[in-house]
């Protein structure tokens, strides 16, 4: 009897161990797949930025601006997905910054420089300097963000204009003023690059909308209302909507304190629903 009991228990033990091994492998594969998912969106961000550089060199500035806009969407999505699946990591942070340097550092600089130099055979020194200023400020902005993460800081704000928001100013300007931006005889156009570039490395606080796209947000009414307004705006008057969005965010540190007293006119119940 003992031998037969031990003999019958041994296959059961092997079967149980095999089942647990398979389950563990499936769980491990699932965790690895979830951990990889945010990086796929980051790769999409980088791919669109690289594509924007290639098409800008060929003179397709509107398409380049569209690709930079897609990079902004991928950049917003990868962070939200990482928080949703619990895959936030230091690798993801560094990888995201490298992708942002391509899409919001190098790509807007190339788009702007090719526009400034359109139809000019001689070297455009002024355009080169200003566009390199953009790239340098974007790199400094991203490096500062990665190395000065303060757990006690207010998460609702960024220090300095975030690079996707600064890139939005360039792509909105390309859509609205693309024909007027060609050539280097219009020095005012350089301000479209220089001003957002300097704001990226400034200490001015810009509102972060990360909480709006957080999967843990319990009241998505404000996000839904904003999303509907943006969809309607881009479907009907895309150029105006893009300029209002980009330049509104650029001027937000000045506009928000000026209009904040008007918020008192909104009923408290409405403010509670939208926030």
C-alpha atoms as a PDB file:
ATOM      1  CA  UNK A   1       0.000   0.000   0.000  1.00  0.00           C
ATOM      2  CA  UNK A   2       2.623   2.632   0.853  1.00  0.00           C
ATOM      3  CA  UNK A   3       4.477   2.000  -2.383  1.00  0.00           C
ATOM      4  CA  UNK A   4       1.316   2.187  -4.434  1.00  0.00           C
ATOM      5  CA  UNK A   5       0.204   5.390  -2.669  1.00  0.00           C
ATOM      6  CA  UNK A   6       3.554   6.979  -3.279  1.00  0.00           C
ATOM      7  CA  UNK A   7       3.506   5.758  -6.861  1.00  0.00           C
ATOM      8  CA  UNK A   8       0.080   7.252  -7.491  1.00  0.00           C
ATOM      9  CA  UNK A   9       1.029  10.524  -5.796  1.00  0.00           C
ATOM     10  CA  UNK A  10       4.159  11.029  -7.881  1.00  0.00           C
ATOM     11  CA  UNK A  11       2.353  11.577 -11.231  1.00  0.00           C
ATOM     12  CA  UNK A  12      -0.069  13.901  -9.474  1.00  0.00           C
ATOM     13  CA  UNK A  13       2.870  15.937  -8.186  1.00  0.00           C
ATOM     14  CA  UNK A  14       4.438  16.097 -11.639  1.00  0.00           C
ATOM     15  CA  UNK A  15       1.105  17.112 -13.200  1.00  0.00           C
ATOM     16  CA  UNK A  16       0.613  19.871 -10.636  1.00  0.00           C
ATOM     17  CA  UNK A  17       4.139  21.154 -11.149  1.00  0.00           C
ATOM     18  CA  UNK A  18       3.608  21.194 -14.915  1.00  0.00           C
ATOM     19  CA  UNK A  19       0.345  23.113 -14.611  1.00  0.00           C
ATOM     20  CA  UNK A  20       1.919  25.655 -12.281  1.00  0.00           C
ATOM     21  CA  UNK A  21       4.880  26.049 -14.655  1.00  0.00           C
ATOM     22  CA  UNK A  22       2.553  26.694 -17.597  1.00  0.00           C
ATOM     23  CA  UNK A  23       0.495  29.160 -15.590  1.00  0.00           C
ATOM     24  CA  UNK A  24       3.627  30.955 -14.467  1.00  0.00           C
ATOM     25  CA  UNK A  25       4.896  31.132 -18.041  1.00  0.00           C
ATOM     26  CA  UNK A  26       1.575  32.573 -19.236  1.00  0.00           C
ATOM     27  CA  UNK A  27       1.543  35.139 -16.451  1.00  0.00           C
ATOM     28  CA  UNK A  28       5.164  36.068 -17.193  1.00  0.00           C
ATOM     29  CA  UNK A  29       4.428  36.424 -20.912  1.00  0.00           C
ATOM     30  CA  UNK A  30       1.408  38.579 -20.141  1.00  0.00           C
ATOM     31  CA  UNK A  31       3.425  40.825 -17.862  1.00  0.00           C
ATOM     32  CA  UNK A  32       6.154  41.187 -20.481  1.00  0.00           C
ATOM     33  CA  UNK A  33       3.559  41.999 -23.156  1.00  0.00           C
ATOM     34  CA  UNK A  34       1.954  44.650 -20.955  1.00  0.00           C
ATOM     35  CA  UNK A  35       5.359  46.106 -20.103  1.00  0.00           C
ATOM     36  CA  UNK A  36       6.177  46.326 -23.827  1.00  0.00           C
ATOM     37  CA  UNK A  37       2.890  47.990 -24.799  1.00  0.00           C
ATOM     38  CA  UNK A  38       3.829  51.580 -23.774  1.00  0.00           C
ATOM     39  CA  UNK A  39       7.130  51.285 -25.645  1.00  0.00           C
ATOM     40  CA  UNK A  40       5.217  50.504 -28.846  1.00  0.00           C
ATOM     41  CA  UNK A  41       3.449  53.858 -28.563  1.00  0.00           C
ATOM     42  CA  UNK A  42       6.818  55.511 -27.881  1.00  0.00           C
ATOM     43  CA  UNK A  43       8.168  53.890 -31.044  1.00  0.00           C
ATOM     44  CA  UNK A  44       5.166  55.274 -32.916  1.00  0.00           C
ATOM     45  CA  UNK A  45       6.067  58.702 -31.571  1.00  0.00           C
ATOM     46  CA  UNK A  46       9.659  58.355 -32.793  1.00  0.00           C
ATOM     47  CA  UNK A  47       8.596  56.920 -36.158  1.00  0.00           C
ATOM     48  CA  UNK A  48       6.285  59.862 -36.866  1.00  0.00           C
ATOM     49  CA  UNK A  49       9.013  62.320 -35.855  1.00  0.00           C
ATOM     50  CA  UNK A  50      11.529  60.635 -38.145  1.00  0.00           C
ATOM     51  CA  UNK A  51       8.979  60.598 -40.971  1.00  0.00           C
ATOM     52  CA  UNK A  52       8.374  64.331 -40.453  1.00  0.00           C
ATOM     53  CA  UNK A  53      12.090  64.979 -40.942  1.00  0.00           C
ATOM     54  CA  UNK A  54      12.182  62.989 -44.186  1.00  0.00           C
ATOM     55  CA  UNK A  55       9.125  64.611 -45.758  1.00  0.00           C
ATOM     56  CA  UNK A  56      10.213  68.108 -44.639  1.00  0.00           C
ATOM     57  CA  UNK A  57      13.475  67.664 -46.534  1.00  0.00           C
ATOM     58  CA  UNK A  58      11.382  66.905 -49.633  1.00  0.00           C
ATOM     59  CA  UNK A  59       9.348  70.087 -49.126  1.00  0.00           C
ATOM     60  CA  UNK A  60       6.134  68.467 -47.849  1.00  0.00           C
ATOM     61  CA  UNK A  61       5.730  70.764 -44.867  1.00  0.00           C
ATOM     62  CA  UNK A  62       2.039  70.202 -44.240  1.00  0.00           C
ATOM     63  CA  UNK A  63       2.522  66.445 -44.091  1.00  0.00           C
ATOM     64  CA  UNK A  64       5.476  66.965 -41.758  1.00  0.00           C
ATOM     65  CA  UNK A  65       3.276  69.033 -39.448  1.00  0.00           C
ATOM     66  CA  UNK A  66       0.625  66.302 -39.469  1.00  0.00           C
ATOM     67  CA  UNK A  67       3.236  63.701 -38.505  1.00  0.00           C
ATOM     68  CA  UNK A  68       4.469  65.872 -35.632  1.00  0.00           C
ATOM     69  CA  UNK A  69       0.849  66.164 -34.504  1.00  0.00           C
ATOM     70  CA  UNK A  70       0.572  62.368 -34.503  1.00  0.00           C
ATOM     71  CA  UNK A  71       3.752  62.257 -32.416  1.00  0.00           C
ATOM     72  CA  UNK A  72       2.014  64.439 -29.830  1.00  0.00           C
ATOM     73  CA  UNK A  73      -0.879  61.966 -29.672  1.00  0.00           C
ATOM     74  CA  UNK A  74       1.489  59.007 -29.287  1.00  0.00           C
ATOM     75  CA  UNK A  75       3.411  60.881 -26.574  1.00  0.00           C
ATOM     76  CA  UNK A  76       0.221  61.489 -24.595  1.00  0.00           C
ATOM     77  CA  UNK A  77      -0.951  57.919 -25.080  1.00  0.00           C
ATOM     78  CA  UNK A  78       2.227  56.083 -24.063  1.00  0.00           C
ATOM     79  CA  UNK A  79       2.243  57.663 -20.606  1.00  0.00           C
ATOM     80  CA  UNK A  80      -1.463  56.968 -20.073  1.00  0.00           C
ATOM     81  CA  UNK A  81      -1.025  53.348 -21.181  1.00  0.00           C
ATOM     82  CA  UNK A  82       2.015  52.889 -18.925  1.00  0.00           C
ATOM     83  CA  UNK A  83       0.047  54.094 -15.901  1.00  0.00           C
ATOM     84  CA  UNK A  84      -2.965  51.994 -16.891  1.00  0.00           C
ATOM     85  CA  UNK A  85      -1.040  48.689 -17.079  1.00  0.00           C
ATOM     86  CA  UNK A  86       1.358  49.557 -14.250  1.00  0.00           C
ATOM     87  CA  UNK A  87       4.408  49.550 -16.527  1.00  0.00           C
ATOM     88  CA  UNK A  88       5.967  52.874 -15.493  1.00  0.00           C
ATOM     89  CA  UNK A  89       9.749  52.392 -15.373  1.00  0.00           C
ATOM     90  CA  UNK A  90      12.991  54.346 -15.599  1.00  0.00           C
ATOM     91  CA  UNK A  91      13.645  52.697 -18.974  1.00  0.00           C
ATOM     92  CA  UNK A  92      10.315  53.990 -20.269  1.00  0.00           C
ATOM     93  CA  UNK A  93      11.126  57.482 -19.013  1.00  0.00           C
ATOM     94  CA  UNK A  94      14.492  57.588 -20.794  1.00  0.00           C
ATOM     95  CA  UNK A  95      13.123  55.991 -23.961  1.00  0.00           C
ATOM     96  CA  UNK A  96      10.269  58.494 -24.055  1.00  0.00           C
ATOM     97  CA  UNK A  97      12.714  61.391 -23.719  1.00  0.00           C
ATOM     98  CA  UNK A  98      14.846  60.112 -26.596  1.00  0.00           C
ATOM     99  CA  UNK A  99      11.744  59.792 -28.784  1.00  0.00           C
ATOM    100  CA  UNK A 100      10.648  63.294 -27.767  1.00  0.00           C
ATOM    101  CA  UNK A 101      14.044  64.697 -28.752  1.00  0.00           C
ATOM    102  CA  UNK A 102      13.536  63.293 -32.260  1.00  0.00           C
ATOM    103  CA  UNK A 103       9.868  64.290 -32.642  1.00  0.00           C
ATOM    104  CA  UNK A 104       9.770  67.590 -30.736  1.00  0.00           C
ATOM    105  CA  UNK A 105      13.410  68.630 -30.922  1.00  0.00           C
ATOM    106  CA  UNK A 106      14.936  67.650 -34.247  1.00  0.00           C
ATOM    107  CA  UNK A 107      11.792  67.386 -36.406  1.00  0.00           C
ATOM    108  CA  UNK A 108      10.392  70.908 -35.742  1.00  0.00           C
ATOM    109  CA  UNK A 109      13.890  72.365 -36.185  1.00  0.00           C
ATOM    110  CA  UNK A 110      14.268  70.689 -39.589  1.00  0.00           C
ATOM    111  CA  UNK A 111      10.758  71.728 -40.660  1.00  0.00           C
ATOM    112  CA  UNK A 112      11.423  75.343 -39.683  1.00  0.00           C
ATOM    113  CA  UNK A 113      14.867  75.464 -41.291  1.00  0.00           C
ATOM    114  CA  UNK A 114      13.696  73.993 -44.594  1.00  0.00           C
ATOM    115  CA  UNK A 115      10.863  76.522 -44.669  1.00  0.00           C
ATOM    116  CA  UNK A 116      13.201  79.439 -43.956  1.00  0.00           C
ATOM    117  CA  UNK A 117      15.664  78.258 -46.602  1.00  0.00           C
ATOM    118  CA  UNK A 118      13.082  77.543 -49.307  1.00  0.00           C
ATOM    119  CA  UNK A 119      14.351  78.766 -52.666  1.00  0.00           C
ATOM    120  CA  UNK A 120      17.695  79.954 -51.261  1.00  0.00           C
ATOM    121  CA  UNK A 121      20.923  78.474 -52.514  1.00  0.00           C
ATOM    122  CA  UNK A 122      23.222  80.286 -50.109  1.00  0.00           C
ATOM    123  CA  UNK A 123      23.774  79.144 -46.533  1.00  0.00           C
ATOM    124  CA  UNK A 124      21.134  80.527 -44.161  1.00  0.00           C
ATOM    125  CA  UNK A 125      23.215  81.306 -41.077  1.00  0.00           C
ATOM    126  CA  UNK A 126      20.466  83.037 -39.120  1.00  0.00           C
ATOM    127  CA  UNK A 127      17.989  80.234 -39.698  1.00  0.00           C
ATOM    128  CA  UNK A 128      20.650  77.681 -38.723  1.00  0.00           C
ATOM    129  CA  UNK A 129      21.371  79.452 -35.429  1.00  0.00           C
ATOM    130  CA  UNK A 130      17.717  79.855 -34.446  1.00  0.00           C
ATOM    131  CA  UNK A 131      16.795  76.282 -35.365  1.00  0.00           C
ATOM    132  CA  UNK A 132      19.786  74.938 -33.461  1.00  0.00           C
ATOM    133  CA  UNK A 133      18.646  77.051 -30.513  1.00  0.00           C
ATOM    134  CA  UNK A 134      15.356  75.151 -30.669  1.00  0.00           C
ATOM    135  CA  UNK A 135      17.102  71.768 -30.695  1.00  0.00           C
ATOM    136  CA  UNK A 136      19.428  72.719 -27.837  1.00  0.00           C
ATOM    137  CA  UNK A 137      16.566  74.061 -25.698  1.00  0.00           C
ATOM    138  CA  UNK A 138      14.487  70.929 -26.316  1.00  0.00           C
ATOM    139  CA  UNK A 139      17.407  68.716 -25.255  1.00  0.00           C
ATOM    140  CA  UNK A 140      18.039  70.818 -22.124  1.00  0.00           C
ATOM    141  CA  UNK A 141      14.316  70.777 -21.291  1.00  0.00           C
ATOM    142  CA  UNK A 142      14.113  66.988 -21.512  1.00  0.00           C
ATOM    143  CA  UNK A 143      17.346  66.437 -19.574  1.00  0.00           C
ATOM    144  CA  UNK A 144      16.220  68.811 -16.840  1.00  0.00           C
ATOM    145  CA  UNK A 145      12.872  67.042 -16.575  1.00  0.00           C
ATOM    146  CA  UNK A 146      14.548  63.641 -16.176  1.00  0.00           C
ATOM    147  CA  UNK A 147      17.065  64.742 -13.566  1.00  0.00           C
ATOM    148  CA  UNK A 148      15.001  67.087 -11.403  1.00  0.00           C
ATOM    149  CA  UNK A 149      11.959  64.998 -10.565  1.00  0.00           C
ATOM    150  CA  UNK A 150      10.754  66.420  -7.251  1.00  0.00           C
ATOM    151  CA  UNK A 151       8.240  64.202  -5.403  1.00  0.00           C
ATOM    152  CA  UNK A 152       7.032  67.241  -3.440  1.00  0.00           C
ATOM    153  CA  UNK A 153       6.427  69.391  -6.538  1.00  0.00           C
ATOM    154  CA  UNK A 154       2.934  70.222  -7.758  1.00  0.00           C
ATOM    155  CA  UNK A 155       2.166  67.579 -10.400  1.00  0.00           C
ATOM    156  CA  UNK A 156      -0.370  69.878 -12.019  1.00  0.00           C
ATOM    157  CA  UNK A 157       2.365  72.052 -13.508  1.00  0.00           C
ATOM    158  CA  UNK A 158       5.515  71.747 -15.622  1.00  0.00           C
ATOM    159  CA  UNK A 159       8.541  73.958 -15.071  1.00  0.00           C
ATOM    160  CA  UNK A 160       9.123  75.406 -18.512  1.00  0.00           C
ATOM    161  CA  UNK A 161       7.006  74.830 -21.580  1.00  0.00           C
ATOM    162  CA  UNK A 162       6.825  71.088 -22.407  1.00  0.00           C
ATOM    163  CA  UNK A 163       8.395  70.181 -25.739  1.00  0.00           C
ATOM    164  CA  UNK A 164       5.160  68.783 -27.301  1.00  0.00           C
ATOM    165  CA  UNK A 165       3.393  72.061 -26.524  1.00  0.00           C
ATOM    166  CA  UNK A 166       6.255  74.056 -28.036  1.00  0.00           C
ATOM    167  CA  UNK A 167       6.226  71.840 -31.132  1.00  0.00           C
ATOM    168  CA  UNK A 168       2.496  72.502 -31.413  1.00  0.00           C
ATOM    169  CA  UNK A 169       3.239  76.193 -31.970  1.00  0.00           C
ATOM    170  CA  UNK A 170       5.466  75.348 -34.938  1.00  0.00           C
ATOM    171  CA  UNK A 171       3.061  72.907 -36.571  1.00  0.00           C
ATOM    172  CA  UNK A 172       0.068  75.221 -36.075  1.00  0.00           C
ATOM    173  CA  UNK A 173       2.092  78.022 -37.661  1.00  0.00           C
ATOM    174  CA  UNK A 174       2.973  75.816 -40.623  1.00  0.00           C
ATOM    175  CA  UNK A 175      -0.714  75.131 -41.253  1.00  0.00           C
ATOM    176  CA  UNK A 176      -1.751  78.757 -40.823  1.00  0.00           C
ATOM    177  CA  UNK A 177       1.186  80.692 -42.295  1.00  0.00           C
ATOM    178  CA  UNK A 178       3.090  78.104 -44.338  1.00  0.00           C
ATOM    179  CA  UNK A 179       3.117  80.172 -47.532  1.00  0.00           C
ATOM    180  CA  UNK A 180       4.287  83.300 -45.701  1.00  0.00           C
ATOM    181  CA  UNK A 181       6.991  81.427 -43.784  1.00  0.00           C
ATOM    182  CA  UNK A 182       9.021  80.528 -46.860  1.00  0.00           C
ATOM    183  CA  UNK A 183      12.196  82.526 -47.337  1.00  0.00           C
ATOM    184  CA  UNK A 184      14.456  84.245 -44.813  1.00  0.00           C
ATOM    185  CA  UNK A 185      13.411  87.805 -45.523  1.00  0.00           C
ATOM    186  CA  UNK A 186      10.664  87.568 -42.914  1.00  0.00           C
ATOM    187  CA  UNK A 187      12.571  87.729 -39.643  1.00  0.00           C
ATOM    188  CA  UNK A 188       9.361  87.764 -37.608  1.00  0.00           C
ATOM    189  CA  UNK A 189       8.957  84.119 -38.525  1.00  0.00           C
ATOM    190  CA  UNK A 190      12.051  83.313 -36.468  1.00  0.00           C
ATOM    191  CA  UNK A 191      10.145  84.390 -33.376  1.00  0.00           C
ATOM    192  CA  UNK A 192       7.819  81.425 -33.901  1.00  0.00           C
ATOM    193  CA  UNK A 193      10.839  79.243 -33.201  1.00  0.00           C
ATOM    194  CA  UNK A 194      12.845  81.378 -30.773  1.00  0.00           C
ATOM    195  CA  UNK A 195      10.067  82.252 -28.308  1.00  0.00           C
ATOM    196  CA  UNK A 196       8.829  78.681 -27.628  1.00  0.00           C
ATOM    197  CA  UNK A 197      12.444  77.495 -27.532  1.00  0.00           C
ATOM    198  CA  UNK A 198      13.350  79.922 -24.762  1.00  0.00           C
ATOM    199  CA  UNK A 199      10.143  79.136 -22.884  1.00  0.00           C
ATOM    200  CA  UNK A 200      11.146  75.455 -22.806  1.00  0.00           C
ATOM    201  CA  UNK A 201      14.189  76.262 -20.669  1.00  0.00           C
ATOM    202  CA  UNK A 202      12.493  78.962 -18.608  1.00  0.00           C
ATOM    203  CA  UNK A 203      11.204  78.545 -15.053  1.00  0.00           C
ATOM    204  CA  UNK A 204       7.674  79.660 -15.985  1.00  0.00           C
ATOM    205  CA  UNK A 205       5.042  77.171 -14.888  1.00  0.00           C
ATOM    206  CA  UNK A 206       2.788  75.632 -17.533  1.00  0.00           C
ATOM    207  CA  UNK A 207      -0.308  73.616 -16.725  1.00  0.00           C
ATOM    208  CA  UNK A 208       0.017  69.850 -17.083  1.00  0.00           C
ATOM    209  CA  UNK A 209      -3.031  68.051 -18.401  1.00  0.00           C
ATOM    210  CA  UNK A 210      -1.712  64.626 -17.474  1.00  0.00           C
ATOM    211  CA  UNK A 211      -4.397  64.209 -14.829  1.00  0.00           C
ATOM    212  CA  UNK A 212      -7.095  64.651 -17.473  1.00  0.00           C
ATOM    213  CA  UNK A 213      -5.941  61.573 -19.385  1.00  0.00           C
ATOM    214  CA  UNK A 214      -5.148  59.544 -16.291  1.00  0.00           C
ATOM    215  CA  UNK A 215      -6.987  56.189 -16.243  1.00  0.00           C
ATOM    216  CA  UNK A 216      -7.613  56.756 -12.533  1.00  0.00           C
ATOM    217  CA  UNK A 217      -9.518  59.980 -13.109  1.00  0.00           C
ATOM    218  CA  UNK A 218     -12.874  59.583 -11.451  1.00  0.00           C
ATOM    219  CA  UNK A 219     -14.579  62.494 -13.232  1.00  0.00           C
ATOM    220  CA  UNK A 220     -13.863  62.445 -16.966  1.00  0.00           C
ATOM    221  CA  UNK A 221     -16.533  65.021 -17.794  1.00  0.00           C
ATOM    222  CA  UNK A 222     -14.045  67.812 -18.408  1.00  0.00           C
ATOM    223  CA  UNK A 223     -11.969  65.559 -20.654  1.00  0.00           C
ATOM    224  CA  UNK A 224     -15.035  64.443 -22.617  1.00  0.00           C
ATOM    225  CA  UNK A 225     -16.194  68.033 -23.095  1.00  0.00           C
ATOM    226  CA  UNK A 226     -12.707  69.114 -24.231  1.00  0.00           C
ATOM    227  CA  UNK A 227     -12.393  66.132 -26.585  1.00  0.00           C
ATOM    228  CA  UNK A 228     -15.777  66.853 -28.195  1.00  0.00           C
ATOM    229  CA  UNK A 229     -14.891  70.534 -28.616  1.00  0.00           C
ATOM    230  CA  UNK A 230     -11.546  69.651 -30.223  1.00  0.00           C
ATOM    231  CA  UNK A 231     -13.092  67.094 -32.592  1.00  0.00           C
ATOM    232  CA  UNK A 232     -15.747  69.567 -33.714  1.00  0.00           C
ATOM    233  CA  UNK A 233     -13.167  72.332 -34.044  1.00  0.00           C
ATOM    234  CA  UNK A 234     -10.687  70.301 -36.087  1.00  0.00           C
ATOM    235  CA  UNK A 235     -13.508  68.962 -38.276  1.00  0.00           C
ATOM    236  CA  UNK A 236     -14.910  72.407 -39.101  1.00  0.00           C
ATOM    237  CA  UNK A 237     -12.102  74.976 -38.730  1.00  0.00           C
ATOM    238  CA  UNK A 238      -8.874  72.983 -38.246  1.00  0.00           C
ATOM    239  CA  UNK A 239      -6.448  75.864 -38.798  1.00  0.00           C
ATOM    240  CA  UNK A 240      -8.212  78.187 -36.366  1.00  0.00           C
ATOM    241  CA  UNK A 241      -8.598  75.405 -33.787  1.00  0.00           C
ATOM    242  CA  UNK A 242      -4.922  74.473 -34.018  1.00  0.00           C
ATOM    243  CA  UNK A 243      -3.773  78.071 -33.649  1.00  0.00           C
ATOM    244  CA  UNK A 244      -6.100  78.749 -30.710  1.00  0.00           C
ATOM    245  CA  UNK A 245      -4.930  75.574 -28.982  1.00  0.00           C
ATOM    246  CA  UNK A 246      -1.200  76.099 -29.620  1.00  0.00           C
ATOM    247  CA  UNK A 247      -0.975  79.841 -29.039  1.00  0.00           C
ATOM    248  CA  UNK A 248      -3.456  79.667 -26.181  1.00  0.00           C
ATOM    249  CA  UNK A 249      -1.163  77.253 -24.359  1.00  0.00           C
ATOM    250  CA  UNK A 250       1.848  79.416 -25.223  1.00  0.00           C
ATOM    251  CA  UNK A 251       0.167  82.445 -23.625  1.00  0.00           C
ATOM    252  CA  UNK A 252      -1.487  80.480 -20.804  1.00  0.00           C
ATOM    253  CA  UNK A 253       0.849  81.755 -18.032  1.00  0.00           C
ATOM    254  CA  UNK A 254      -0.367  85.269 -18.876  1.00  0.00           C
ATOM    255  CA  UNK A 255      -3.975  84.547 -19.833  1.00  0.00           C
ATOM    256  CA  UNK A 256      -4.933  82.221 -16.971  1.00  0.00           C
ATOM    257  CA  UNK A 257      -4.248  84.729 -14.145  1.00  0.00           C
ATOM    258  CA  UNK A 258      -6.049  87.392 -16.169  1.00  0.00           C
ATOM    259  CA  UNK A 259      -9.234  85.385 -16.730  1.00  0.00           C
ATOM    260  CA  UNK A 260      -9.270  83.357 -13.510  1.00  0.00           C
ATOM    261  CA  UNK A 261     -11.521  85.923 -11.741  1.00  0.00           C
ATOM    262  CA  UNK A 262     -14.173  85.121 -14.367  1.00  0.00           C
ATOM    263  CA  UNK A 263     -14.312  81.555 -13.054  1.00  0.00           C
ATOM    264  CA  UNK A 264     -16.251  82.848 -10.076  1.00  0.00           C
ATOM    265  CA  UNK A 265     -19.151  83.547 -12.414  1.00  0.00           C
ATOM    266  CA  UNK A 266     -19.453  79.828 -13.214  1.00  0.00           C
ATOM    267  CA  UNK A 267     -21.803  77.980 -10.821  1.00  0.00           C
ATOM    268  CA  UNK A 268     -19.979  75.853  -8.259  1.00  0.00           C
ATOM    269  CA  UNK A 269     -21.894  72.757  -9.361  1.00  0.00           C
ATOM    270  CA  UNK A 270     -20.666  73.140 -12.942  1.00  0.00           C
ATOM    271  CA  UNK A 271     -17.063  73.669 -11.808  1.00  0.00           C
ATOM    272  CA  UNK A 272     -17.274  70.529  -9.689  1.00  0.00           C
ATOM    273  CA  UNK A 273     -18.531  68.441 -12.615  1.00  0.00           C
ATOM    274  CA  UNK A 274     -15.900  69.699 -15.063  1.00  0.00           C
ATOM    275  CA  UNK A 275     -12.875  69.377 -12.754  1.00  0.00           C
END
